[in-house]
Amino acid sequence: MAATFAGPRPVPHKLPDGFDKWVCLYPAYINKDKTRAEGRRLPKGKAVSAPTIKEMIDVLSTSGLQVIGERKMYCREKSKEAPYWGRVRVQLKNPDGQVINSKLQTREDLMVFTAERIPQLKSRTNPKHTQETQQQQGKQGKGKKKK
């Protein structure tokens, strides 16, 4: 029997012109917990602990630069778990070669900017309560005392 095809295949999103020349950033570049051999590119004093792709995209989208997240794996990453996947592509220059943001002209400027802003995110400053603390708080004051 011939296989039936339900419809046209989804067309991938069209990427912007010059996308291949955009700067790539992996979370390992700014991760304080990594060694230089494992891919950290900033000094530990400037780096941040366990950054995620979502945090990097949130921070960089406020900079006025065009940002796209990709589902790629860093070659030096030891863990193949889902939280370690991803990279960010950022447009530093226009197709004609002019810098978009004068404060962020190089890859290193971009990494330092990202590492400085991630600790200021609401998800970092106001972490959610763990399930255990919520259960402990919920048990207090509920029900009647047995005599």
C-alpha atoms as a PDB file:
ATOM      1  CA  MET A   1       0.000   0.000   0.000  1.00  0.00           C
ATOM      2  CA  ALA A   2       1.123   3.505  -0.659  1.00  0.00           C
ATOM      3  CA  ALA A   3       1.476   5.820   2.305  1.00  0.00           C
ATOM      4  CA  THR A   4      -0.987   8.651   2.420  1.00  0.00           C
ATOM      5  CA  PHE A   5       0.260  12.157   2.978  1.00  0.00           C
ATOM      6  CA  ALA A   6      -2.039  14.381   4.998  1.00  0.00           C
ATOM      7  CA  GLY A   7      -0.907  17.684   3.558  1.00  0.00           C
ATOM      8  CA  PRO A   8       2.050  19.899   2.818  1.00  0.00           C
ATOM      9  CA  ARG A   9       5.010  19.762   5.143  1.00  0.00           C
ATOM     10  CA  PRO A  10       5.471  22.760   7.413  1.00  0.00           C
ATOM     11  CA  VAL A  11       7.807  25.344   5.956  1.00  0.00           C
ATOM     12  CA  PRO A  12      10.560  26.460   8.355  1.00  0.00           C
ATOM     13  CA  HIS A  13      10.481  30.104   9.382  1.00  0.00           C
ATOM     14  CA  LYS A  14      12.416  32.354   7.067  1.00  0.00           C
ATOM     15  CA  LEU A  15      15.583  33.513   8.760  1.00  0.00           C
ATOM     16  CA  PRO A  16      16.708  37.135   8.410  1.00  0.00           C
ATOM     17  CA  ASP A  17      19.315  38.124   5.843  1.00  0.00           C
ATOM     18  CA  GLY A  18      22.890  37.739   7.081  1.00  0.00           C
ATOM     19  CA  PHE A  19      21.791  35.361   9.851  1.00  0.00           C
ATOM     20  CA  ASP A  20      24.869  33.200   9.306  1.00  0.00           C
ATOM     21  CA  LYS A  21      27.085  36.144  10.361  1.00  0.00           C
ATOM     22  CA  TRP A  22      25.318  36.710  13.697  1.00  0.00           C
ATOM     23  CA  VAL A  23      27.212  36.036  16.932  1.00  0.00           C
ATOM     24  CA  CYS A  24      26.566  32.699  18.693  1.00  0.00           C
ATOM     25  CA  LEU A  25      26.434  32.488  22.495  1.00  0.00           C
ATOM     26  CA  TYR A  26      26.127  29.307  24.533  1.00  0.00           C
ATOM     27  CA  PRO A  27      25.268  29.328  28.256  1.00  0.00           C
ATOM     28  CA  ALA A  28      28.611  27.633  28.993  1.00  0.00           C
ATOM     29  CA  TYR A  29      30.408  30.821  27.892  1.00  0.00           C
ATOM     30  CA  ILE A  30      29.103  32.730  30.930  1.00  0.00           C
ATOM     31  CA  ASN A  31      28.650  29.851  33.395  1.00  0.00           C
ATOM     32  CA  LYS A  32      30.621  30.350  36.626  1.00  0.00           C
ATOM     33  CA  ASP A  33      30.434  26.623  37.401  1.00  0.00           C
ATOM     34  CA  LYS A  34      32.376  25.647  34.251  1.00  0.00           C
ATOM     35  CA  THR A  35      36.150  25.681  33.827  1.00  0.00           C
ATOM     36  CA  ARG A  36      37.907  27.349  30.923  1.00  0.00           C
ATOM     37  CA  ALA A  37      38.461  23.887  29.427  1.00  0.00           C
ATOM     38  CA  GLU A  38      34.708  23.224  29.645  1.00  0.00           C
ATOM     39  CA  GLY A  39      33.964  26.368  27.659  1.00  0.00           C
ATOM     40  CA  ARG A  40      33.715  29.324  30.057  1.00  0.00           C
ATOM     41  CA  ARG A  41      35.006  32.472  28.352  1.00  0.00           C
ATOM     42  CA  LEU A  42      34.550  35.068  31.109  1.00  0.00           C
ATOM     43  CA  PRO A  43      36.486  35.347  34.368  1.00  0.00           C
ATOM     44  CA  LYS A  44      34.641  33.745  37.299  1.00  0.00           C
ATOM     45  CA  GLY A  45      34.142  37.178  38.875  1.00  0.00           C
ATOM     46  CA  LYS A  46      32.055  38.328  35.908  1.00  0.00           C
ATOM     47  CA  ALA A  47      30.313  35.014  35.166  1.00  0.00           C
ATOM     48  CA  VAL A  48      26.948  33.826  36.516  1.00  0.00           C
ATOM     49  CA  SER A  49      25.939  30.490  38.019  1.00  0.00           C
ATOM     50  CA  ALA A  50      23.902  28.113  35.808  1.00  0.00           C
ATOM     51  CA  PRO A  51      22.486  30.461  33.144  1.00  0.00           C
ATOM     52  CA  THR A  52      19.725  29.161  30.870  1.00  0.00           C
ATOM     53  CA  ILE A  53      18.843  29.955  27.274  1.00  0.00           C
ATOM     54  CA  LYS A  54      15.533  31.475  28.371  1.00  0.00           C
ATOM     55  CA  GLU A  55      17.319  33.856  30.742  1.00  0.00           C
ATOM     56  CA  MET A  56      19.814  34.835  28.061  1.00  0.00           C
ATOM     57  CA  ILE A  57      17.049  35.554  25.549  1.00  0.00           C
ATOM     58  CA  ASP A  58      15.098  37.594  28.132  1.00  0.00           C
ATOM     59  CA  VAL A  59      18.136  39.739  28.921  1.00  0.00           C
ATOM     60  CA  LEU A  60      19.311  40.227  25.348  1.00  0.00           C
ATOM     61  CA  SER A  61      15.859  41.075  24.008  1.00  0.00           C
ATOM     62  CA  THR A  62      15.892  44.211  26.218  1.00  0.00           C
ATOM     63  CA  SER A  63      19.155  45.399  24.632  1.00  0.00           C
ATOM     64  CA  GLY A  64      17.538  46.430  21.359  1.00  0.00           C
ATOM     65  CA  LEU A  65      19.383  43.762  19.382  1.00  0.00           C
ATOM     66  CA  GLN A  66      17.702  41.099  17.296  1.00  0.00           C
ATOM     67  CA  VAL A  67      17.884  37.738  19.115  1.00  0.00           C
ATOM     68  CA  ILE A  68      17.006  34.199  18.027  1.00  0.00           C
ATOM     69  CA  GLY A  69      17.253  31.049  20.156  1.00  0.00           C
ATOM     70  CA  GLU A  70      18.280  27.787  18.540  1.00  0.00           C
ATOM     71  CA  ARG A  71      18.077  24.194  19.718  1.00  0.00           C
ATOM     72  CA  LYS A  72      21.732  23.321  19.345  1.00  0.00           C
ATOM     73  CA  MET A  73      24.162  21.490  21.618  1.00  0.00           C
ATOM     74  CA  TYR A  74      27.499  22.922  22.726  1.00  0.00           C
ATOM     75  CA  CYS A  75      30.254  20.502  21.747  1.00  0.00           C
ATOM     76  CA  ARG A  76      32.039  20.709  25.127  1.00  0.00           C
ATOM     77  CA  GLU A  77      28.882  20.105  27.162  1.00  0.00           C
ATOM     78  CA  LYS A  78      29.174  16.812  29.031  1.00  0.00           C
ATOM     79  CA  SER A  79      25.496  16.435  29.865  1.00  0.00           C
ATOM     80  CA  LYS A  80      23.050  15.656  27.086  1.00  0.00           C
ATOM     81  CA  GLU A  81      20.034  16.633  29.241  1.00  0.00           C
ATOM     82  CA  ALA A  82      17.431  19.061  27.853  1.00  0.00           C
ATOM     83  CA  PRO A  83      18.257  22.009  30.198  1.00  0.00           C
ATOM     84  CA  TYR A  84      21.731  22.199  28.639  1.00  0.00           C
ATOM     85  CA  TRP A  85      20.532  22.458  25.039  1.00  0.00           C
ATOM     86  CA  GLY A  86      20.440  25.678  23.114  1.00  0.00           C
ATOM     87  CA  ARG A  87      22.350  28.636  21.859  1.00  0.00           C
ATOM     88  CA  VAL A  88      21.490  32.247  21.185  1.00  0.00           C
ATOM     89  CA  ARG A  89      22.220  34.096  17.964  1.00  0.00           C
ATOM     90  CA  VAL A  90      22.498  37.885  18.205  1.00  0.00           C
ATOM     91  CA  GLN A  91      22.800  40.476  15.460  1.00  0.00           C
ATOM     92  CA  LEU A  92      25.554  42.918  16.461  1.00  0.00           C
ATOM     93  CA  LYS A  93      25.891  44.632  13.081  1.00  0.00           C
ATOM     94  CA  ASN A  94      23.573  45.603  10.245  1.00  0.00           C
ATOM     95  CA  PRO A  95      24.084  43.877   6.889  1.00  0.00           C
ATOM     96  CA  ASP A  96      26.038  46.978   5.787  1.00  0.00           C
ATOM     97  CA  GLY A  97      28.485  46.537   8.724  1.00  0.00           C
ATOM     98  CA  GLN A  98      27.326  49.301  11.097  1.00  0.00           C
ATOM     99  CA  VAL A  99      27.116  48.474  14.806  1.00  0.00           C
ATOM    100  CA  ILE A 100      23.494  48.438  16.048  1.00  0.00           C
ATOM    101  CA  ASN A 101      24.145  49.193  19.740  1.00  0.00           C
ATOM    102  CA  SER A 102      27.250  51.271  20.512  1.00  0.00           C
ATOM    103  CA  LYS A 103      27.540  49.742  24.015  1.00  0.00           C
ATOM    104  CA  LEU A 104      27.568  46.185  22.632  1.00  0.00           C
ATOM    105  CA  GLN A 105      30.124  46.107  19.843  1.00  0.00           C
ATOM    106  CA  THR A 106      31.890  42.792  20.455  1.00  0.00           C
ATOM    107  CA  ARG A 107      31.079  39.253  21.530  1.00  0.00           C
ATOM    108  CA  GLU A 108      32.798  39.873  24.889  1.00  0.00           C
ATOM    109  CA  ASP A 109      30.689  43.015  25.512  1.00  0.00           C
ATOM    110  CA  LEU A 110      27.634  40.881  24.856  1.00  0.00           C
ATOM    111  CA  MET A 111      28.726  38.136  27.275  1.00  0.00           C
ATOM    112  CA  VAL A 112      29.527  40.629  30.056  1.00  0.00           C
ATOM    113  CA  PHE A 113      26.192  42.438  29.515  1.00  0.00           C
ATOM    114  CA  THR A 114      24.290  39.144  29.710  1.00  0.00           C
ATOM    115  CA  ALA A 115      26.172  37.927  32.797  1.00  0.00           C
ATOM    116  CA  GLU A 116      25.549  41.238  34.604  1.00  0.00           C
ATOM    117  CA  ARG A 117      21.809  41.297  33.861  1.00  0.00           C
ATOM    118  CA  ILE A 118      20.848  37.656  34.560  1.00  0.00           C
ATOM    119  CA  PRO A 119      21.142  37.955  38.378  1.00  0.00           C
ATOM    120  CA  GLN A 120      18.768  40.952  38.218  1.00  0.00           C
ATOM    121  CA  LEU A 121      15.945  38.944  36.608  1.00  0.00           C
ATOM    122  CA  LYS A 122      12.806  38.408  38.695  1.00  0.00           C
ATOM    123  CA  SER A 123      13.217  34.649  38.374  1.00  0.00           C
ATOM    124  CA  ARG A 124      16.586  34.976  40.143  1.00  0.00           C
ATOM    125  CA  THR A 125      15.686  37.626  42.732  1.00  0.00           C
ATOM    126  CA  ASN A 126      12.324  36.101  43.719  1.00  0.00           C
ATOM    127  CA  PRO A 127      12.676  32.336  43.297  1.00  0.00           C
ATOM    128  CA  LYS A 128       9.495  30.294  43.529  1.00  0.00           C
ATOM    129  CA  HIS A 129       8.844  28.357  46.698  1.00  0.00           C
ATOM    130  CA  THR A 130       9.694  24.708  46.422  1.00  0.00           C
ATOM    131  CA  GLN A 131       6.927  22.163  46.615  1.00  0.00           C
ATOM    132  CA  GLU A 132       8.114  21.007  50.045  1.00  0.00           C
ATOM    133  CA  THR A 133       7.822  24.436  51.654  1.00  0.00           C
ATOM    134  CA  GLN A 134       4.363  24.906  50.167  1.00  0.00           C
ATOM    135  CA  GLN A 135       3.248  21.558  51.578  1.00  0.00           C
ATOM    136  CA  GLN A 136       4.641  22.411  55.013  1.00  0.00           C
ATOM    137  CA  GLN A 137       2.899  25.775  54.997  1.00  0.00           C
ATOM    138  CA  GLY A 138      -0.334  24.176  53.831  1.00  0.00           C
ATOM    139  CA  LYS A 139      -0.339  21.672  56.698  1.00  0.00           C
ATOM    140  CA  GLN A 140      -0.159  24.354  59.357  1.00  0.00           C
ATOM    141  CA  GLY A 141      -3.525  25.513  60.694  1.00  0.00           C
ATOM    142  CA  LYS A 142      -5.685  23.105  58.689  1.00  0.00           C
ATOM    143  CA  GLY A 143      -8.095  20.690  60.251  1.00  0.00           C
ATOM    144  CA  LYS A 144      -9.432  20.390  63.752  1.00  0.00           C
ATOM    145  CA  LYS A 145      -7.475  19.276  66.732  1.00  0.00           C
ATOM    146  CA  LYS A 146      -8.433  15.862  67.958  1.00  0.00           C
ATOM    147  CA  LYS A 147      -9.187  15.585  71.657  1.00  0.00           C
END
